[in-house]
Amino acid sequence: MKQAKSVPIPAIAWPPPPGRPRHRALYQNLAEAILNGALAPGTQLPATRTWAQALRVSRGTVLAALEQLTAEGYVRALQGSGTFVADIPQDLGRSGTRAMPAGSAAPLSSRGRLLARTDLGEVEQPARPFEVGIPALDRFAATRLASLTTGAWSSMPASELQYPDPAGYPALRLELVRYLTRARAVRADADQVIVVSGSQQALYLAAQLLLDPGDEAWMEDPGYVGALSALQAAGADIVNVPVDGEGLSVREGTALAPDARLVYVTPSHQYPTGATLSLARRLELLAWARQRNGWILEDDYDSEFRYIGAPLPALQGIDEAGTVLYVGTFSKILAPGLRLGYLVVPKALAPAFRAAKSLLDRGSAVPLQAGLARLLAGGGMERHLLRMRRLYQHRRDVLWSELREAFGDRVNLGPPSAGGMHLVVWLPPGMDDQAAVRRAYEHGVWVRAVSANARRPLPRGGLIVGYAGFSDAELREATAKLEEALRTLWP
């Protein structure tokens, strides 16, 4: 300890703003003065009574501030001698720090730099027509789910309130298997299910566990940017495989990268084009994976909403070799804010995925999982889906008719989509779809450009137009605004 130097009351910002606790303000002012060197090491602080009189506060206020400073090592109290500023080397305080030069890169790891480049951006709040992937939140039975969650919470034994199973609440995993077997022909047992915080976490987990930097991965082109980002964050070498009316071209993928490690695919309802992967290509893709020891990451993001016949069976259900990882989510079925999804993995991978999930977040909230398990067990989920299929089919028809009336033959709409929650409006050749998006934004309409989801040049641009979350009136009004926005862009 240096020789003590007694000083008068230091100059600090006083009094604090109204409503701010005075002991906390005094503590923060003194800590700042010590860190920036205004109070040098070894300086003796005035007696608490002196402080209290000068600042017009109670002695208890001063004592509380000094006790906190002492506990954190800013000052040292020596019995019989007083309180002194601790020996903090000046090059460790704020007076010795240097600001990072403007524009310099943050000192991230190579993996950190990959992650920093994969920000998916913010969703418009509140959602505006024609935002993609937004369900009919006004029809979501939030009170029903809240009741089920509360009931699960109140009846839950204390043993289930410990750290949860990182793979997910056992009852929910069991009910998910039963539901997916009925609805999607998925073949699995509960040990193969990993409950995740939305499908994006599932994609991230799969990419991190199955890919090394430099591994080749097939990516649908155009395709879902969130999946592309997950693959890029794992350091994958992306192989852009074109999509046509039958979905992903397995022949093109094999020609481009026959020994790829992983394929990302949306077979039931390709995003964004809406194509369905034909049976021939499904079998071709499974044969490729079996022969090349590759993995298939099946994203089944909105296949529950099919308006012609029953929902198509999942690719996972016809996989005999255990090469398919199946991704599903409650975001499209119920609400994105629930942040719950699921990943069905081959048996051999289940222990690794369970361990990785525990490293990320130790598991999702148990009461919500328990409420969803009850919703599935009681048939409430399937009744909700039946209502939503009817509603979304109606809204699809309304939007398709409005677009046809507004744009006529200037765009290519094709027949109404067989399923999903969005339509694609294919623009005339030569018309820039990203310029069309910017013009639509200016008119208060939220659409997305197909080309923003593509890595190769497209024969023509298109607009991705969501309809599920919006009323008939909103769809009609937004269509009129879109038509007005595009008037000056027609070739």
Protein backbone atom coordinates (compact mmCIF):
# COMPACT_ATOMS: atom_id res chain seq x y z
CA MET A 1 0.00 0.00 0.00
CA LYS A 2 1.35 3.40 -0.98
CA GLN A 3 1.63 6.20 1.57
CA ALA A 4 -1.84 7.56 2.26
CA LYS A 5 -2.88 10.92 0.90
CA SER A 6 -6.00 12.37 2.45
CA VAL A 7 -8.13 14.42 0.09
CA PRO A 8 -11.29 16.42 0.39
CA ILE A 9 -14.56 15.21 -1.05
CA PRO A 10 -13.85 14.19 -4.70
CA ALA A 11 -15.67 16.03 -7.46
CA ILE A 12 -18.46 13.69 -8.58
CA ALA A 13 -21.75 14.15 -10.42
CA TRP A 14 -24.16 14.93 -7.60
CA PRO A 15 -27.06 14.82 -6.85
CA PRO A 16 -28.17 11.88 -9.03
CA PRO A 17 -31.25 12.07 -11.26
CA PRO A 18 -34.62 11.65 -9.50
CA GLY A 19 -35.60 8.05 -8.92
CA ARG A 20 -32.05 6.68 -9.00
CA PRO A 21 -30.97 5.04 -5.68
CA ARG A 22 -28.42 7.34 -4.04
CA HIS A 23 -26.17 4.61 -2.65
CA ARG A 24 -25.97 3.09 -6.14
CA ALA A 25 -25.19 6.47 -7.73
CA LEU A 26 -22.43 7.13 -5.19
CA TYR A 27 -20.93 3.68 -5.75
CA GLN A 28 -20.91 4.12 -9.55
CA ASN A 29 -19.40 7.61 -9.39
CA LEU A 30 -16.57 6.47 -7.13
CA ALA A 31 -15.90 3.31 -9.15
CA GLU A 32 -15.64 5.43 -12.31
CA ALA A 33 -13.25 7.88 -10.60
CA ILE A 34 -11.00 4.99 -9.48
CA LEU A 35 -10.96 3.31 -12.89
CA ASN A 36 -10.14 6.49 -14.82
CA GLY A 37 -7.40 7.53 -12.38
CA ALA A 38 -9.13 10.54 -10.83
CA LEU A 39 -8.74 8.77 -7.48
CA ALA A 40 -5.21 7.34 -7.44
CA PRO A 41 -4.20 4.10 -5.68
CA GLY A 42 -3.47 4.71 -2.01
CA THR A 43 -5.74 7.73 -1.73
CA GLN A 44 -7.48 7.84 1.66
CA LEU A 45 -11.20 8.48 1.43
CA PRO A 46 -12.89 10.92 3.84
CA ALA A 47 -14.75 9.59 6.86
CA THR A 48 -18.30 8.43 6.27
CA ARG A 49 -19.76 11.23 8.43
CA THR A 50 -17.89 13.80 6.33
CA TRP A 51 -19.30 12.22 3.15
CA ALA A 52 -22.82 12.20 4.52
CA GLN A 53 -22.72 15.85 5.58
CA ALA A 54 -21.19 17.07 2.33
CA LEU A 55 -23.61 15.15 0.08
CA ARG A 56 -26.63 15.65 2.35
CA VAL A 57 -27.41 11.97 2.58
CA SER A 58 -27.63 9.53 5.45
CA ARG A 59 -24.48 7.85 6.72
CA GLY A 60 -26.15 4.53 5.82
CA THR A 61 -26.16 5.58 2.15
CA VAL A 62 -22.40 6.17 2.23
CA LEU A 63 -21.76 2.94 4.11
CA ALA A 64 -23.76 0.95 1.54
CA ALA A 65 -21.73 2.44 -1.33
CA LEU A 66 -18.40 1.78 0.39
CA GLU A 67 -19.37 -1.77 1.29
CA GLN A 68 -20.05 -2.51 -2.37
CA LEU A 69 -16.76 -0.91 -3.43
CA THR A 70 -14.92 -2.96 -0.82
CA ALA A 71 -16.61 -6.19 -1.89
CA GLU A 72 -15.60 -5.61 -5.51
CA GLY A 73 -12.00 -4.68 -4.66
CA TYR A 74 -12.06 -0.99 -5.52
CA VAL A 75 -11.14 0.09 -1.96
CA ARG A 76 -9.60 -1.49 1.14
CA ALA A 77 -10.67 -0.78 4.70
CA LEU A 78 -7.82 -0.93 7.25
CA GLN A 79 -8.98 -1.20 10.83
CA GLY A 80 -8.03 1.92 12.80
CA SER A 81 -6.61 3.67 9.74
CA GLY A 82 -9.48 4.35 7.33
CA THR A 83 -10.53 3.42 3.80
CA PHE A 84 -8.08 3.60 0.89
CA VAL A 85 -8.24 3.24 -2.88
CA ALA A 86 -6.87 -0.20 -3.79
CA ASP A 87 -3.70 -0.69 -5.80
CA ILE A 88 -5.13 -1.01 -9.33
CA PRO A 89 -2.36 -0.78 -11.97
CA GLN A 90 -2.99 2.23 -14.17
CA ASP A 91 -2.56 0.24 -17.37
CA LEU A 92 -5.52 -1.93 -16.30
CA GLY A 93 -7.87 0.94 -15.50
CA ARG A 94 -9.79 2.89 -18.10
CA SER A 95 -7.08 5.53 -18.36
CA GLY A 96 -4.83 2.86 -19.86
CA THR A 97 -7.26 1.40 -22.38
CA ARG A 98 -7.34 2.16 -26.05
CA ALA A 99 -10.45 2.23 -28.14
CA MET A 100 -10.53 -0.14 -31.10
CA PRO A 101 -9.81 1.85 -34.27
CA ALA A 102 -12.94 2.81 -36.14
CA GLY A 103 -13.80 0.31 -38.84
CA SER A 104 -11.46 -2.39 -37.53
CA ALA A 105 -12.66 -5.99 -37.47
CA ALA A 106 -13.70 -7.53 -34.18
CA PRO A 107 -11.18 -10.14 -32.95
CA LEU A 108 -13.40 -13.13 -33.71
CA SER A 109 -12.41 -16.71 -34.41
CA SER A 110 -12.77 -18.03 -37.96
CA ARG A 111 -15.99 -19.76 -36.87
CA GLY A 112 -17.12 -16.53 -35.21
CA ARG A 113 -16.59 -14.60 -38.44
CA LEU A 114 -18.71 -17.15 -40.29
CA LEU A 115 -21.50 -16.81 -37.73
CA ALA A 116 -21.34 -13.00 -37.80
CA ARG A 117 -22.00 -13.05 -41.55
CA THR A 118 -25.15 -15.16 -41.26
CA ASP A 119 -27.53 -12.73 -39.57
CA LEU A 120 -31.01 -13.52 -40.94
CA GLY A 121 -32.26 -10.01 -40.20
CA GLU A 122 -35.37 -8.91 -38.36
CA VAL A 123 -38.95 -9.84 -39.11
CA GLU A 124 -41.27 -6.90 -39.65
CA GLN A 125 -43.21 -6.15 -36.47
CA PRO A 126 -46.15 -6.16 -36.75
CA ALA A 127 -46.25 -8.32 -39.88
CA ARG A 128 -47.62 -6.63 -42.99
CA PRO A 129 -49.19 -8.29 -45.99
CA PHE A 130 -47.64 -10.19 -47.82
CA GLU A 131 -45.09 -11.39 -45.24
CA VAL A 132 -44.17 -15.05 -45.79
CA GLY A 133 -44.58 -17.80 -43.21
CA ILE A 134 -46.93 -15.92 -40.87
CA PRO A 135 -49.85 -18.09 -39.71
CA ALA A 136 -53.31 -16.81 -38.78
CA LEU A 137 -52.32 -15.67 -35.32
CA ASP A 138 -55.81 -14.33 -34.63
CA ARG A 139 -57.11 -17.91 -34.97
CA PHE A 140 -54.44 -19.41 -32.71
CA ALA A 141 -56.12 -20.81 -29.60
CA ALA A 142 -53.68 -19.17 -27.21
CA THR A 143 -56.09 -19.42 -24.29
CA ARG A 144 -56.50 -23.15 -24.90
CA LEU A 145 -52.74 -23.70 -24.94
CA ALA A 146 -52.35 -21.49 -21.87
CA SER A 147 -54.94 -23.58 -20.05
CA LEU A 148 -53.19 -26.80 -20.99
CA THR A 149 -49.81 -25.38 -19.99
CA THR A 150 -51.15 -24.15 -16.66
CA GLY A 151 -52.77 -27.51 -16.01
CA ALA A 152 -49.54 -29.30 -16.83
CA TRP A 153 -47.62 -26.96 -14.55
CA SER A 154 -50.00 -27.37 -11.62
CA SER A 155 -50.02 -31.18 -11.83
CA MET A 156 -46.33 -31.60 -12.55
CA PRO A 157 -44.40 -33.49 -9.83
CA ALA A 158 -41.41 -31.74 -8.29
CA SER A 159 -39.06 -34.23 -9.93
CA GLU A 160 -39.98 -32.84 -13.36
CA LEU A 161 -39.05 -29.29 -12.38
CA GLN A 162 -35.35 -30.10 -12.23
CA TYR A 163 -33.11 -29.49 -15.24
CA PRO A 164 -35.11 -30.91 -18.17
CA ASP A 165 -34.09 -33.64 -20.54
CA PRO A 166 -32.12 -31.68 -23.19
CA ALA A 167 -33.71 -33.79 -25.93
CA GLY A 168 -37.16 -32.61 -24.87
CA TYR A 169 -40.00 -33.40 -22.50
CA PRO A 170 -40.56 -37.19 -22.79
CA ALA A 171 -44.35 -36.93 -23.12
CA LEU A 172 -44.03 -34.39 -25.95
CA ARG A 173 -41.53 -36.55 -27.83
CA LEU A 174 -43.85 -39.53 -27.51
CA GLU A 175 -46.87 -37.57 -28.74
CA LEU A 176 -44.83 -36.10 -31.60
CA VAL A 177 -43.92 -39.59 -32.78
CA ARG A 178 -47.59 -40.63 -32.68
CA TYR A 179 -48.67 -37.49 -34.53
CA LEU A 180 -45.92 -37.67 -37.17
CA THR A 181 -46.65 -41.35 -37.77
CA ARG A 182 -50.32 -40.53 -38.45
CA ALA A 183 -49.88 -37.29 -40.33
CA ARG A 184 -46.55 -37.60 -42.14
CA ALA A 185 -45.77 -41.35 -42.22
CA VAL A 186 -42.58 -40.69 -40.27
CA ARG A 187 -41.00 -43.85 -38.81
CA ALA A 188 -39.19 -43.29 -35.52
CA ASP A 189 -39.35 -43.77 -31.79
CA ALA A 190 -39.27 -41.11 -29.10
CA ASP A 191 -35.51 -41.48 -28.53
CA GLN A 192 -34.91 -40.20 -32.06
CA VAL A 193 -36.76 -36.91 -31.43
CA ILE A 194 -34.88 -33.78 -30.35
CA VAL A 195 -37.06 -30.82 -29.32
CA VAL A 196 -35.41 -27.59 -30.48
CA SER A 197 -35.97 -23.84 -30.33
CA GLY A 198 -37.48 -23.63 -33.78
CA SER A 199 -36.38 -25.18 -37.07
CA GLN A 200 -33.44 -22.78 -37.40
CA GLN A 201 -31.78 -24.37 -34.37
CA ALA A 202 -32.38 -27.80 -35.91
CA LEU A 203 -30.66 -26.73 -39.13
CA TYR A 204 -27.75 -25.25 -37.18
CA LEU A 205 -27.33 -28.40 -35.07
CA ALA A 206 -27.37 -30.68 -38.11
CA ALA A 207 -24.85 -28.57 -40.01
CA GLN A 208 -22.49 -28.34 -37.04
CA LEU A 209 -22.60 -32.06 -36.24
CA LEU A 210 -22.48 -33.46 -39.77
CA LEU A 211 -20.19 -31.09 -41.67
CA ASP A 212 -16.51 -30.23 -41.41
CA PRO A 213 -15.20 -27.01 -42.99
CA GLY A 214 -14.73 -27.65 -46.68
CA ASP A 215 -17.28 -30.47 -46.93
CA GLU A 216 -19.56 -30.17 -49.94
CA ALA A 217 -23.29 -29.69 -49.32
CA TRP A 218 -26.04 -29.57 -51.92
CA MET A 219 -28.34 -26.58 -51.56
CA GLU A 220 -31.58 -26.05 -53.48
CA ASP A 221 -31.26 -23.09 -55.85
CA PRO A 222 -33.36 -21.06 -55.30
CA GLY A 223 -33.75 -22.13 -51.70
CA TYR A 224 -34.28 -21.13 -48.10
CA VAL A 225 -31.71 -18.56 -46.97
CA GLY A 226 -31.88 -19.74 -43.34
CA ALA A 227 -30.65 -23.20 -44.37
CA LEU A 228 -27.95 -21.71 -46.58
CA SER A 229 -26.74 -19.62 -43.65
CA ALA A 230 -26.62 -22.65 -41.34
CA LEU A 231 -24.52 -24.57 -43.87
CA GLN A 232 -22.21 -21.61 -44.43
CA ALA A 233 -21.76 -21.16 -40.68
CA ALA A 234 -20.44 -24.73 -40.54
CA GLY A 235 -17.88 -23.86 -43.23
CA ALA A 236 -19.51 -25.99 -45.92
CA ASP A 237 -18.62 -25.66 -49.58
CA ILE A 238 -22.07 -24.89 -51.01
CA VAL A 239 -23.05 -26.68 -54.22
CA ASN A 240 -25.96 -24.85 -55.87
CA VAL A 241 -28.31 -27.46 -57.36
CA PRO A 242 -31.09 -26.17 -59.62
CA VAL A 243 -34.78 -26.73 -58.94
CA ASP A 244 -37.44 -27.34 -61.59
CA GLY A 245 -41.08 -28.48 -61.65
CA GLU A 246 -40.12 -31.80 -60.02
CA GLY A 247 -38.05 -30.22 -57.27
CA LEU A 248 -34.32 -30.64 -56.69
CA SER A 249 -32.45 -32.05 -59.70
CA VAL A 250 -30.61 -35.06 -58.26
CA ARG A 251 -28.91 -35.68 -61.60
CA GLU A 252 -27.44 -32.16 -61.62
CA GLY A 253 -26.36 -32.48 -58.01
CA THR A 254 -24.61 -35.77 -58.70
CA ALA A 255 -22.82 -34.26 -61.68
CA LEU A 256 -21.68 -31.22 -59.69
CA ALA A 257 -20.66 -32.96 -56.45
CA PRO A 258 -21.14 -36.73 -56.44
CA ASP A 259 -19.43 -37.16 -53.05
CA ALA A 260 -21.14 -34.35 -51.17
CA ARG A 261 -21.58 -34.88 -47.46
CA LEU A 262 -25.12 -33.49 -47.07
CA VAL A 263 -28.19 -32.43 -49.07
CA TYR A 264 -30.69 -29.83 -47.88
CA VAL A 265 -34.12 -30.33 -49.43
CA THR A 266 -37.75 -29.24 -49.00
CA PRO A 267 -39.43 -32.16 -50.81
CA SER A 268 -43.09 -31.67 -49.89
CA HIS A 269 -43.30 -27.97 -50.77
CA GLN A 270 -40.08 -26.53 -52.16
CA TYR A 271 -39.21 -23.08 -50.88
CA PRO A 272 -39.80 -20.75 -52.61
CA THR A 273 -41.08 -22.25 -55.87
CA GLY A 274 -43.72 -24.56 -54.35
CA ALA A 275 -42.61 -27.59 -56.42
CA THR A 276 -43.05 -31.11 -55.03
CA LEU A 277 -40.12 -33.52 -55.27
CA SER A 278 -41.36 -36.29 -57.56
CA LEU A 279 -41.37 -39.90 -56.39
CA ALA A 280 -38.71 -40.79 -58.95
CA ARG A 281 -36.40 -38.12 -57.61
CA ARG A 282 -37.13 -39.07 -54.00
CA LEU A 283 -36.01 -42.60 -54.69
CA GLU A 284 -33.04 -41.32 -56.70
CA LEU A 285 -31.97 -39.06 -53.83
CA LEU A 286 -32.29 -41.84 -51.24
CA ALA A 287 -30.24 -44.15 -53.47
CA TRP A 288 -27.53 -41.49 -53.80
CA ALA A 289 -27.36 -41.02 -50.02
CA ARG A 290 -27.21 -44.77 -49.42
CA GLN A 291 -24.47 -45.34 -51.98
CA ARG A 292 -22.35 -42.29 -51.10
CA ASN A 293 -22.81 -42.34 -47.30
CA GLY A 294 -24.38 -38.91 -47.47
CA TRP A 295 -26.99 -37.26 -45.25
CA ILE A 296 -30.33 -35.76 -46.32
CA LEU A 297 -31.68 -32.84 -44.28
CA GLU A 298 -35.46 -32.77 -44.93
CA ASP A 299 -37.11 -29.48 -44.01
CA ASP A 300 -40.87 -30.09 -43.74
CA TYR A 301 -41.69 -26.50 -42.86
CA ASP A 302 -45.35 -26.17 -43.94
CA SER A 303 -46.42 -29.47 -45.48
CA GLU A 304 -49.39 -29.83 -43.08
CA PHE A 305 -51.18 -27.32 -45.29
CA ARG A 306 -52.05 -29.23 -48.43
CA TYR A 307 -55.32 -28.51 -50.23
CA ILE A 308 -55.47 -31.32 -52.79
CA GLY A 309 -55.71 -34.74 -51.19
CA ALA A 310 -53.90 -35.74 -48.00
CA PRO A 311 -50.53 -34.29 -46.98
CA LEU A 312 -47.68 -36.04 -48.79
CA PRO A 313 -45.69 -38.63 -46.81
CA ALA A 314 -42.34 -37.45 -45.55
CA LEU A 315 -39.16 -38.50 -47.33
CA GLN A 316 -38.00 -39.86 -43.97
CA GLY A 317 -40.83 -42.40 -44.00
CA ILE A 318 -39.47 -44.22 -47.07
CA ASP A 319 -35.82 -44.07 -45.99
CA GLU A 320 -34.62 -47.62 -45.31
CA ALA A 321 -30.95 -46.78 -44.73
CA GLY A 322 -31.22 -44.16 -41.97
CA THR A 323 -29.86 -41.27 -44.02
CA VAL A 324 -32.65 -38.67 -43.50
CA LEU A 325 -32.87 -36.09 -40.70
CA TYR A 326 -36.41 -34.68 -40.53
CA VAL A 327 -37.05 -31.08 -39.41
CA GLY A 328 -40.46 -29.76 -38.33
CA THR A 329 -41.74 -26.71 -36.48
CA PHE A 330 -44.68 -25.37 -34.51
CA SER A 331 -44.02 -21.87 -35.92
CA LYS A 332 -46.21 -22.40 -38.99
CA ILE A 333 -48.78 -24.63 -37.28
CA LEU A 334 -49.38 -22.44 -34.22
CA ALA A 335 -47.22 -19.33 -33.75
CA PRO A 336 -43.56 -18.35 -34.38
CA GLY A 337 -43.30 -16.85 -30.90
CA LEU A 338 -43.51 -20.30 -29.30
CA ARG A 339 -39.96 -20.99 -30.54
CA LEU A 340 -40.39 -24.75 -30.58
CA GLY A 341 -39.62 -27.25 -33.28
CA TYR A 342 -38.32 -30.78 -33.55
CA LEU A 343 -35.67 -32.83 -35.27
CA VAL A 344 -36.06 -36.56 -35.95
CA VAL A 345 -32.63 -38.13 -36.40
CA PRO A 346 -31.44 -41.63 -37.31
CA LYS A 347 -30.89 -43.85 -34.27
CA ALA A 348 -27.11 -43.80 -34.66
CA LEU A 349 -27.05 -40.01 -34.40
CA ALA A 350 -29.43 -39.58 -31.45
CA PRO A 351 -26.77 -39.60 -28.65
CA ALA A 352 -24.64 -36.99 -30.43
CA PHE A 353 -27.58 -34.67 -31.08
CA ARG A 354 -28.79 -35.04 -27.51
CA ALA A 355 -25.34 -34.05 -26.22
CA ALA A 356 -25.09 -31.08 -28.60
CA LYS A 357 -28.54 -29.82 -27.61
CA SER A 358 -27.56 -29.95 -23.93
CA LEU A 359 -24.50 -27.84 -24.73
CA LEU A 360 -26.58 -25.19 -26.47
CA ASP A 361 -29.32 -24.57 -23.89
CA ARG A 362 -29.91 -27.52 -21.56
CA GLY A 363 -33.39 -28.00 -23.02
CA SER A 364 -36.54 -26.01 -23.73
CA ALA A 365 -39.09 -24.80 -21.17
CA VAL A 366 -40.91 -27.78 -19.67
CA PRO A 367 -44.41 -26.29 -19.02
CA LEU A 368 -44.84 -25.21 -22.65
CA GLN A 369 -43.67 -28.61 -23.89
CA ALA A 370 -46.09 -30.28 -21.48
CA GLY A 371 -48.97 -28.12 -22.75
CA LEU A 372 -48.18 -29.01 -26.36
CA ALA A 373 -48.04 -32.69 -25.42
CA ARG A 374 -51.55 -32.42 -24.01
CA LEU A 375 -52.74 -30.57 -27.12
CA LEU A 376 -51.41 -33.37 -29.31
CA ALA A 377 -52.71 -36.16 -27.06
CA GLY A 378 -56.24 -34.73 -26.96
CA GLY A 379 -56.50 -34.27 -30.72
CA GLY A 380 -56.56 -30.49 -30.39
CA MET A 381 -53.63 -30.03 -32.77
CA GLU A 382 -55.24 -31.94 -35.60
CA ARG A 383 -58.58 -30.15 -35.12
CA HIS A 384 -56.72 -26.84 -35.29
CA LEU A 385 -54.91 -27.93 -38.46
CA LEU A 386 -58.18 -28.93 -40.11
CA ARG A 387 -59.61 -25.47 -39.44
CA MET A 388 -56.44 -23.78 -40.70
CA ARG A 389 -56.36 -25.83 -43.91
CA ARG A 390 -59.86 -24.65 -44.74
CA LEU A 391 -59.03 -21.06 -43.87
CA TYR A 392 -55.72 -20.98 -45.76
CA GLN A 393 -57.24 -22.60 -48.83
CA HIS A 394 -59.89 -19.88 -48.84
CA ARG A 395 -57.28 -17.16 -48.45
CA ARG A 396 -55.15 -18.69 -51.20
CA ASP A 397 -58.15 -18.60 -53.53
CA VAL A 398 -58.93 -14.99 -52.62
CA LEU A 399 -55.36 -13.88 -53.24
CA TRP A 400 -55.01 -15.84 -56.49
CA SER A 401 -58.21 -14.29 -57.86
CA GLU A 402 -57.17 -10.78 -56.79
CA LEU A 403 -53.72 -11.16 -58.38
CA ARG A 404 -55.22 -12.54 -61.58
CA GLU A 405 -57.66 -9.64 -61.82
CA ALA A 406 -55.01 -7.02 -61.00
CA PHE A 407 -52.20 -8.26 -63.27
CA GLY A 408 -53.85 -10.43 -65.92
CA ASP A 409 -51.34 -11.87 -68.38
CA ARG A 410 -48.55 -9.52 -67.36
CA VAL A 411 -47.39 -12.09 -64.78
CA ASN A 412 -47.26 -15.88 -64.64
CA LEU A 413 -49.32 -17.18 -61.74
CA GLY A 414 -50.03 -20.70 -62.91
CA PRO A 415 -52.82 -22.63 -61.20
CA PRO A 416 -53.43 -22.10 -57.47
CA SER A 417 -50.75 -23.85 -55.41
CA ALA A 418 -51.55 -27.32 -54.08
CA GLY A 419 -50.45 -26.34 -50.59
CA GLY A 420 -48.34 -24.10 -48.40
CA MET A 421 -48.75 -20.55 -47.15
CA HIS A 422 -47.51 -18.47 -50.10
CA LEU A 423 -47.77 -17.99 -53.86
CA VAL A 424 -45.09 -17.01 -56.36
CA VAL A 425 -45.83 -14.24 -58.85
CA TRP A 426 -43.41 -14.75 -61.76
CA LEU A 427 -42.64 -11.40 -63.37
CA PRO A 428 -42.03 -10.72 -67.08
CA PRO A 429 -38.52 -11.60 -68.33
CA GLY A 430 -36.16 -8.69 -67.80
CA MET A 431 -38.10 -7.22 -64.88
CA ASP A 432 -35.94 -6.87 -61.76
CA ASP A 433 -37.76 -8.56 -58.86
CA GLN A 434 -35.59 -6.87 -56.23
CA ALA A 435 -36.46 -3.47 -57.68
CA ALA A 436 -40.09 -4.57 -57.53
CA VAL A 437 -39.64 -5.46 -53.84
CA ARG A 438 -38.21 -2.03 -53.07
CA ARG A 439 -41.09 -0.33 -54.87
CA ALA A 440 -43.60 -2.51 -53.00
CA TYR A 441 -42.03 -1.54 -49.66
CA GLU A 442 -42.52 2.11 -50.54
CA HIS A 443 -46.23 1.37 -50.90
CA GLY A 444 -46.47 -0.49 -47.60
CA VAL A 445 -46.46 -4.01 -49.03
CA TRP A 446 -44.03 -6.64 -47.73
CA VAL A 447 -43.01 -9.13 -50.44
CA ARG A 448 -39.79 -11.04 -51.08
CA ALA A 449 -37.78 -11.52 -54.27
CA VAL A 450 -37.19 -15.03 -55.58
CA SER A 451 -33.77 -13.92 -56.82
CA ALA A 452 -32.74 -13.03 -53.25
CA ASN A 453 -32.99 -16.77 -52.53
CA ALA A 454 -30.95 -17.80 -55.59
CA ARG A 455 -27.22 -18.00 -56.24
CA ARG A 456 -27.47 -18.46 -60.00
CA PRO A 457 -29.17 -16.10 -62.48
CA LEU A 458 -32.85 -16.97 -62.95
CA PRO A 459 -34.68 -16.96 -66.30
CA ARG A 460 -37.15 -14.54 -64.75
CA GLY A 461 -37.68 -12.86 -61.40
CA GLY A 462 -40.56 -13.49 -59.07
CA LEU A 463 -42.27 -12.23 -55.94
CA ILE A 464 -42.98 -14.48 -52.96
CA VAL A 465 -46.39 -13.49 -51.63
CA GLY A 466 -47.64 -14.81 -48.28
CA TYR A 467 -51.35 -15.05 -47.57
CA ALA A 468 -51.98 -17.29 -44.55
CA GLY A 469 -51.81 -14.64 -41.85
CA PHE A 470 -53.99 -11.99 -43.46
CA SER A 471 -57.73 -11.38 -43.82
CA ASP A 472 -59.58 -11.16 -47.11
CA ALA A 473 -59.76 -7.37 -46.80
CA GLU A 474 -56.02 -7.11 -46.11
CA LEU A 475 -55.21 -9.32 -49.09
CA ARG A 476 -57.40 -7.23 -51.42
CA GLU A 477 -55.97 -3.93 -50.20
CA ALA A 478 -52.38 -5.18 -50.43
CA THR A 479 -52.94 -6.50 -53.97
CA ALA A 480 -54.17 -3.06 -55.07
CA LYS A 481 -51.09 -1.44 -53.49
CA LEU A 482 -48.79 -3.94 -55.21
CA GLU A 483 -50.38 -3.27 -58.58
CA GLU A 484 -49.93 0.46 -58.07
CA ALA A 485 -46.31 -0.04 -56.98
CA LEU A 486 -45.37 -2.01 -60.10
CA ARG A 487 -47.01 0.23 -62.70
CA THR A 488 -43.80 2.06 -63.60
CA LEU A 489 -41.68 -1.10 -63.81
CA TRP A 490 -43.44 -3.01 -66.57
CA PRO A 491 -41.09 -3.56 -69.54
